[in-house]
Amino acid sequence: MGEIITEHLIINGHFEGICHATRIEILSCGHVSGTVFSDNLSIEAGGKFMGVTNPSEATVSIQEDIPDLTDNINLISNDPPL
């Protein structure tokens, strides 16, 4: 279980916890369990989400304490590195 705060999150593996992002993509092999704070959530066919979604405005107080995350993208994947 973890927590991620980022601008753009791409999940193609398994994540359990809390996600705060402007944009979240769950790809076909992605599986998310937990709470999502985002106004832009997409789930490809085959991707799975089990949990609660909230608008990104709920993260404003959290984002005041973190640095600017413009162009920050995180990828969670079970694939081996290239």
Protein backbone atom coordinates (compact mmCIF):
# COMPACT_ATOMS: atom_id res chain seq x y z
CA MET A 1 0.00 0.00 0.00
CA GLY A 2 1.39 3.37 -0.97
CA GLU A 3 0.63 6.92 -2.02
CA ILE A 4 1.56 8.65 -5.29
CA ILE A 5 1.34 12.39 -5.99
CA THR A 6 2.19 13.31 -9.59
CA GLU A 7 0.99 15.18 -12.66
CA HIS A 8 0.45 12.17 -14.97
CA LEU A 9 0.25 8.56 -13.78
CA ILE A 10 0.28 5.56 -16.14
CA ILE A 11 -0.40 2.16 -14.56
CA ASN A 12 0.25 -1.08 -16.45
CA GLY A 13 0.96 -3.23 -13.38
CA HIS A 14 -0.55 -3.43 -9.90
CA PHE A 15 -0.92 -0.52 -7.47
CA GLU A 16 -2.71 -0.46 -4.14
CA GLY A 17 -3.10 2.80 -2.24
CA ILE A 18 -3.90 6.46 -2.89
CA CYS A 19 -3.25 8.23 -6.21
CA HIS A 20 -3.28 12.04 -6.65
CA ALA A 21 -2.80 13.11 -10.27
CA THR A 22 -4.13 15.52 -12.85
CA ARG A 23 -4.35 12.60 -15.29
CA ILE A 24 -4.47 8.86 -14.51
CA GLU A 25 -4.36 6.13 -17.16
CA ILE A 26 -4.94 2.49 -16.26
CA LEU A 27 -3.70 0.43 -19.21
CA SER A 28 -4.95 -3.00 -20.28
CA CYS A 29 -2.69 -4.88 -17.81
CA GLY A 30 -3.16 -2.31 -15.04
CA HIS A 31 -4.91 -3.01 -11.75
CA VAL A 32 -5.58 -0.30 -9.15
CA SER A 33 -7.12 -0.83 -5.71
CA GLY A 34 -7.66 2.19 -3.51
CA THR A 35 -8.60 5.85 -3.70
CA VAL A 36 -8.04 8.09 -6.73
CA PHE A 37 -8.06 11.91 -6.73
CA SER A 38 -8.26 13.08 -10.37
CA ASP A 39 -10.53 14.83 -12.85
CA ASN A 40 -9.16 12.77 -15.75
CA LEU A 41 -9.26 8.99 -15.23
CA SER A 42 -9.17 6.56 -18.15
CA ILE A 43 -9.25 2.77 -18.06
CA GLU A 44 -8.37 0.72 -21.15
CA ALA A 45 -10.25 -2.49 -21.93
CA GLY A 46 -8.83 -5.16 -19.62
CA GLY A 47 -7.68 -2.61 -17.02
CA LYS A 48 -9.22 -2.90 -13.56
CA PHE A 49 -10.11 -0.38 -10.86
CA MET A 50 -11.59 -1.18 -7.49
CA GLY A 51 -12.04 1.69 -5.10
CA VAL A 52 -13.25 5.25 -4.74
CA THR A 53 -12.78 8.22 -7.07
CA ASN A 54 -12.74 11.86 -5.97
CA PRO A 55 -12.34 15.12 -7.90
CA SER A 56 -8.82 16.53 -7.94
CA GLU A 57 -9.91 19.62 -5.99
CA ALA A 58 -9.71 17.42 -2.88
CA THR A 59 -5.92 17.38 -3.29
CA VAL A 60 -5.35 21.16 -3.30
CA SER A 61 -4.14 21.30 0.32
CA ILE A 62 -1.73 18.41 -0.30
CA GLN A 63 -0.32 19.96 -3.48
CA GLU A 64 0.53 23.23 -1.71
CA ASP A 65 3.37 21.44 0.11
CA ILE A 66 4.96 19.71 -2.91
CA PRO A 67 7.15 21.14 -5.68
CA ASP A 68 5.86 21.94 -9.17
CA LEU A 69 5.22 18.65 -10.98
CA THR A 70 4.78 19.98 -14.51
CA ASP A 71 5.80 17.32 -17.06
CA ASN A 72 6.24 14.74 -14.28
CA ILE A 73 5.06 11.31 -15.45
CA ASN A 74 5.19 8.09 -13.43
CA LEU A 75 4.75 4.61 -14.90
CA ILE A 76 3.90 1.55 -12.85
CA SER A 77 4.44 -1.62 -14.86
CA ASN A 78 5.24 -5.29 -14.34
CA ASP A 79 7.17 -5.33 -17.64
CA PRO A 80 10.96 -5.74 -17.43
CA PRO A 81 12.97 -2.55 -18.17
CA LEU A 82 14.09 -2.01 -21.76
